[in-house]
Amino acid sequence: MQEAVYYLSKNPEVFEKIKNGKASLLGVTPKELKAILNSFLLTSAGEIKDYWR
């Protein structure tokens, strides 16, 4: 899963395709995928940074 997160952080266009259901990540369970997507979406919204203040 760590490799998937790293890859998506370096390839935001792939993240968008996965988010829109036009691509998938091999070897990542649906539960892991949901966690990855949520963390990317929260980070981009700034919610995680605000949470720790």
PDB file of N, CA and C in Angstrom:
ATOM      1  N   MET A   1       0.823  -1.188   0.000  1.00  0.00           N
ATOM      2  CA  MET A   1       0.000   0.000   0.000  1.00  0.00           C
ATOM      3  C   MET A   1       0.872   1.259   0.000  1.00  0.00           C
ATOM      4  N   GLN A   2       2.002   1.200   0.669  1.00  0.00           N
ATOM      5  CA  GLN A   2       2.890   2.358   0.716  1.00  0.00           C
ATOM      6  C   GLN A   2       3.364   2.734  -0.683  1.00  0.00           C
ATOM      7  N   GLU A   3       3.644   1.730  -1.513  1.00  0.00           N
ATOM      8  CA  GLU A   3       4.074   1.996  -2.881  1.00  0.00           C
ATOM      9  C   GLU A   3       2.967   2.667  -3.679  1.00  0.00           C
ATOM     10  N   ALA A   4       1.727   2.254  -3.438  1.00  0.00           N
ATOM     11  CA  ALA A   4       0.587   2.841  -4.145  1.00  0.00           C
ATOM     12  C   ALA A   4       0.431   4.315  -3.779  1.00  0.00           C
ATOM     13  N   VAL A   5       0.563   4.629  -2.509  1.00  0.00           N
ATOM     14  CA  VAL A   5       0.446   6.020  -2.061  1.00  0.00           C
ATOM     15  C   VAL A   5       1.560   6.865  -2.669  1.00  0.00           C
ATOM     16  N   TYR A   6       2.771   6.332  -2.665  1.00  0.00           N
ATOM     17  CA  TYR A   6       3.900   7.059  -3.252  1.00  0.00           C
ATOM     18  C   TYR A   6       3.665   7.302  -4.737  1.00  0.00           C
ATOM     19  N   TYR A   7       3.225   6.262  -5.447  1.00  0.00           N
ATOM     20  CA  TYR A   7       2.977   6.388  -6.885  1.00  0.00           C
ATOM     21  C   TYR A   7       1.913   7.450  -7.165  1.00  0.00           C
ATOM     22  N   LEU A   8       0.836   7.424  -6.407  1.00  0.00           N
ATOM     23  CA  LEU A   8      -0.238   8.399  -6.615  1.00  0.00           C
ATOM     24  C   LEU A   8       0.209   9.819  -6.282  1.00  0.00           C
ATOM     25  N   SER A   9       1.067   9.958  -5.294  1.00  0.00           N
ATOM     26  CA  SER A   9       1.548  11.301  -4.961  1.00  0.00           C
ATOM     27  C   SER A   9       2.425  11.869  -6.070  1.00  0.00           C
ATOM     28  N   LYS A  10       3.090  11.001  -6.810  1.00  0.00           N
ATOM     29  CA  LYS A  10       3.946  11.442  -7.918  1.00  0.00           C
ATOM     30  C   LYS A  10       3.189  11.537  -9.239  1.00  0.00           C
ATOM     31  N   ASN A  11       1.984  10.946  -9.297  1.00  0.00           N
ATOM     32  CA  ASN A  11       1.194  10.913 -10.531  1.00  0.00           C
ATOM     33  C   ASN A  11      -0.247  11.324 -10.256  1.00  0.00           C
ATOM     34  N   PRO A  12      -0.498  12.609 -10.024  1.00  0.00           N
ATOM     35  CA  PRO A  12      -1.844  13.062  -9.661  1.00  0.00           C
ATOM     36  C   PRO A  12      -2.895  12.777 -10.727  1.00  0.00           C
ATOM     37  N   GLU A  13      -2.492  12.666 -11.993  1.00  0.00           N
ATOM     38  CA  GLU A  13      -3.460  12.350 -13.046  1.00  0.00           C
ATOM     39  C   GLU A  13      -4.008  10.932 -12.871  1.00  0.00           C
ATOM     40  N   VAL A  14      -3.194  10.023 -12.368  1.00  0.00           N
ATOM     41  CA  VAL A  14      -3.655   8.658 -12.103  1.00  0.00           C
ATOM     42  C   VAL A  14      -4.619   8.671 -10.921  1.00  0.00           C
ATOM     43  N   PHE A  15      -4.313   9.474  -9.908  1.00  0.00           N
ATOM     44  CA  PHE A  15      -5.220   9.600  -8.766  1.00  0.00           C
ATOM     45  C   PHE A  15      -6.605  10.046  -9.223  1.00  0.00           C
ATOM     46  N   GLU A  16      -6.652  11.023 -10.114  1.00  0.00           N
ATOM     47  CA  GLU A  16      -7.938  11.514 -10.627  1.00  0.00           C
ATOM     48  C   GLU A  16      -8.697  10.405 -11.348  1.00  0.00           C
ATOM     49  N   LYS A  17      -8.003   9.591 -12.131  1.00  0.00           N
ATOM     50  CA  LYS A  17      -8.655   8.485 -12.838  1.00  0.00           C
ATOM     51  C   LYS A  17      -9.203   7.458 -11.861  1.00  0.00           C
ATOM     52  N   ILE A  18      -8.450   7.164 -10.823  1.00  0.00           N
ATOM     53  CA  ILE A  18      -8.911   6.205  -9.820  1.00  0.00           C
ATOM     54  C   ILE A  18     -10.106   6.772  -9.070  1.00  0.00           C
ATOM     55  N   LYS A  19     -10.024   8.031  -8.709  1.00  0.00           N
ATOM     56  CA  LYS A  19     -11.121   8.695  -7.989  1.00  0.00           C
ATOM     57  C   LYS A  19     -12.407   8.670  -8.809  1.00  0.00           C
ATOM     58  N   ASN A  20     -12.277   8.809 -10.133  1.00  0.00           N
ATOM     59  CA  ASN A  20     -13.440   8.827 -11.020  1.00  0.00           C
ATOM     60  C   ASN A  20     -13.851   7.441 -11.503  1.00  0.00           C
ATOM     61  N   GLY A  21     -13.172   6.392 -11.025  1.00  0.00           N
ATOM     62  CA  GLY A  21     -13.528   5.030 -11.388  1.00  0.00           C
ATOM     63  C   GLY A  21     -13.054   4.601 -12.764  1.00  0.00           C
ATOM     64  N   LYS A  22     -12.114   5.319 -13.349  1.00  0.00           N
ATOM     65  CA  LYS A  22     -11.622   4.994 -14.687  1.00  0.00           C
ATOM     66  C   LYS A  22     -10.330   4.189 -14.651  1.00  0.00           C
ATOM     67  N   ALA A  23      -9.804   3.930 -13.454  1.00  0.00           N
ATOM     68  CA  ALA A  23      -8.596   3.126 -13.279  1.00  0.00           C
ATOM     69  C   ALA A  23      -8.677   2.455 -11.911  1.00  0.00           C
ATOM     70  N   SER A  24      -7.806   1.490 -11.683  1.00  0.00           N
ATOM     71  CA  SER A  24      -7.782   0.814 -10.392  1.00  0.00           C
ATOM     72  C   SER A  24      -6.343   0.515 -10.000  1.00  0.00           C
ATOM     73  N   LEU A  25      -6.160   0.155  -8.749  1.00  0.00           N
ATOM     74  CA  LEU A  25      -4.844  -0.208  -8.237  1.00  0.00           C
ATOM     75  C   LEU A  25      -4.820  -1.707  -7.979  1.00  0.00           C
ATOM     76  N   LEU A  26      -3.929  -2.406  -8.641  1.00  0.00           N
ATOM     77  CA  LEU A  26      -3.795  -3.841  -8.430  1.00  0.00           C
ATOM     78  C   LEU A  26      -3.135  -4.108  -7.085  1.00  0.00           C
ATOM     79  N   GLY A  27      -3.626  -5.114  -6.386  1.00  0.00           N
ATOM     80  CA  GLY A  27      -3.034  -5.493  -5.112  1.00  0.00           C
ATOM     81  C   GLY A  27      -3.473  -4.652  -3.934  1.00  0.00           C
ATOM     82  N   VAL A  28      -4.442  -3.770  -4.146  1.00  0.00           N
ATOM     83  CA  VAL A  28      -4.957  -2.923  -3.067  1.00  0.00           C
ATOM     84  C   VAL A  28      -6.408  -3.326  -2.823  1.00  0.00           C
ATOM     85  N   THR A  29      -6.725  -3.647  -1.582  1.00  0.00           N
ATOM     86  CA  THR A  29      -8.087  -4.060  -1.253  1.00  0.00           C
ATOM     87  C   THR A  29      -9.025  -2.857  -1.325  1.00  0.00           C
ATOM     88  N   PRO A  30     -10.322  -3.101  -1.465  1.00  0.00           N
ATOM     89  CA  PRO A  30     -11.276  -1.984  -1.481  1.00  0.00           C
ATOM     90  C   PRO A  30     -11.188  -1.117  -0.218  1.00  0.00           C
ATOM     91  N   LYS A  31     -10.949  -1.748   0.917  1.00  0.00           N
ATOM     92  CA  LYS A  31     -10.822  -1.001   2.172  1.00  0.00           C
ATOM     93  C   LYS A  31      -9.580  -0.104   2.153  1.00  0.00           C
ATOM     94  N   GLU A  32      -8.468  -0.640   1.644  1.00  0.00           N
ATOM     95  CA  GLU A  32      -7.243   0.153   1.536  1.00  0.00           C
ATOM     96  C   GLU A  32      -7.426   1.299   0.545  1.00  0.00           C
ATOM     97  N   LEU A  33      -8.107   1.015  -0.568  1.00  0.00           N
ATOM     98  CA  LEU A  33      -8.348   2.048  -1.574  1.00  0.00           C
ATOM     99  C   LEU A  33      -9.167   3.193  -0.986  1.00  0.00           C
ATOM    100  N   LYS A  34     -10.171   2.851  -0.212  1.00  0.00           N
ATOM    101  CA  LYS A  34     -10.995   3.886   0.420  1.00  0.00           C
ATOM    102  C   LYS A  34     -10.154   4.746   1.361  1.00  0.00           C
ATOM    103  N   ALA A  35      -9.273   4.117   2.122  1.00  0.00           N
ATOM    104  CA  ALA A  35      -8.406   4.858   3.037  1.00  0.00           C
ATOM    105  C   ALA A  35      -7.454   5.775   2.270  1.00  0.00           C
ATOM    106  N   ILE A  36      -6.904   5.273   1.170  1.00  0.00           N
ATOM    107  CA  ILE A  36      -5.990   6.077   0.351  1.00  0.00           C
ATOM    108  C   ILE A  36      -6.721   7.282  -0.222  1.00  0.00           C
ATOM    109  N   LEU A  37      -7.881   7.043  -0.816  1.00  0.00           N
ATOM    110  CA  LEU A  37      -8.644   8.140  -1.417  1.00  0.00           C
ATOM    111  C   LEU A  37      -9.039   9.171  -0.370  1.00  0.00           C
ATOM    112  N   ASN A  38      -9.511   8.704   0.778  1.00  0.00           N
ATOM    113  CA  ASN A  38      -9.903   9.634   1.843  1.00  0.00           C
ATOM    114  C   ASN A  38      -8.725  10.464   2.325  1.00  0.00           C
ATOM    115  N   SER A  39      -7.576   9.843   2.482  1.00  0.00           N
ATOM    116  CA  SER A  39      -6.418  10.598   2.970  1.00  0.00           C
ATOM    117  C   SER A  39      -5.967  11.634   1.953  1.00  0.00           C
ATOM    118  N   PHE A  40      -6.003  11.289   0.665  1.00  0.00           N
ATOM    119  CA  PHE A  40      -5.630  12.261  -0.361  1.00  0.00           C
ATOM    120  C   PHE A  40      -6.639  13.401  -0.414  1.00  0.00           C
ATOM    121  N   LEU A  41      -7.909  13.083  -0.305  1.00  0.00           N
ATOM    122  CA  LEU A  41      -8.936  14.120  -0.374  1.00  0.00           C
ATOM    123  C   LEU A  41      -8.880  15.032   0.844  1.00  0.00           C
ATOM    124  N   LEU A  42      -8.656  14.469   2.023  1.00  0.00           N
ATOM    125  CA  LEU A  42      -8.552  15.288   3.233  1.00  0.00           C
ATOM    126  C   LEU A  42      -7.312  16.165   3.195  1.00  0.00           C
ATOM    127  N   THR A  43      -6.219  15.625   2.700  1.00  0.00           N
ATOM    128  CA  THR A  43      -4.979  16.397   2.608  1.00  0.00           C
ATOM    129  C   THR A  43      -5.144  17.551   1.639  1.00  0.00           C
ATOM    130  N   SER A  44      -5.781  17.288   0.505  1.00  0.00           N
ATOM    131  CA  SER A  44      -5.948  18.354  -0.483  1.00  0.00           C
ATOM    132  C   SER A  44      -6.908  19.431   0.015  1.00  0.00           C
ATOM    133  N   ALA A  45      -7.825  19.059   0.898  1.00  0.00           N
ATOM    134  CA  ALA A  45      -8.761  20.037   1.448  1.00  0.00           C
ATOM    135  C   ALA A  45      -8.169  20.772   2.649  1.00  0.00           C
ATOM    136  N   GLY A  46      -7.020  20.325   3.119  1.00  0.00           N
ATOM    137  CA  GLY A  46      -6.382  20.958   4.266  1.00  0.00           C
ATOM    138  C   GLY A  46      -6.963  20.544   5.599  1.00  0.00           C
ATOM    139  N   GLU A  47      -7.862  19.571   5.602  1.00  0.00           N
ATOM    140  CA  GLU A  47      -8.528  19.179   6.835  1.00  0.00           C
ATOM    141  C   GLU A  47      -7.596  18.473   7.807  1.00  0.00           C
ATOM    142  N   ILE A  48      -6.656  17.691   7.303  1.00  0.00           N
ATOM    143  CA  ILE A  48      -5.751  16.983   8.207  1.00  0.00           C
ATOM    144  C   ILE A  48      -4.851  17.974   8.925  1.00  0.00           C
ATOM    145  N   LYS A  49      -4.323  18.939   8.205  1.00  0.00           N
ATOM    146  CA  LYS A  49      -3.445  19.925   8.827  1.00  0.00           C
ATOM    147  C   LYS A  49      -4.194  20.716   9.894  1.00  0.00           C
ATOM    148  N   ASP A  50      -5.435  21.075   9.613  1.00  0.00           N
ATOM    149  CA  ASP A  50      -6.225  21.833  10.575  1.00  0.00           C
ATOM    150  C   ASP A  50      -6.576  20.995  11.799  1.00  0.00           C
ATOM    151  N   TYR A  51      -6.734  19.702  11.619  1.00  0.00           N
ATOM    152  CA  TYR A  51      -7.095  18.815  12.713  1.00  0.00           C
ATOM    153  C   TYR A  51      -6.029  18.824  13.803  1.00  0.00           C
ATOM    154  N   TRP A  52      -4.764  18.882  13.414  1.00  0.00           N
ATOM    155  CA  TRP A  52      -3.667  18.771  14.369  1.00  0.00           C
ATOM    156  C   TRP A  52      -3.256  20.103  14.978  1.00  0.00           C
ATOM    157  N   ARG A  53      -3.940  21.165  14.694  1.00  0.00           N
ATOM    158  CA  ARG A  53      -3.596  22.466  15.295  1.00  0.00           C
ATOM    159  C   ARG A  53      -4.149  22.590  16.675  1.00  0.00           C
TER     160      ARG A  53
END
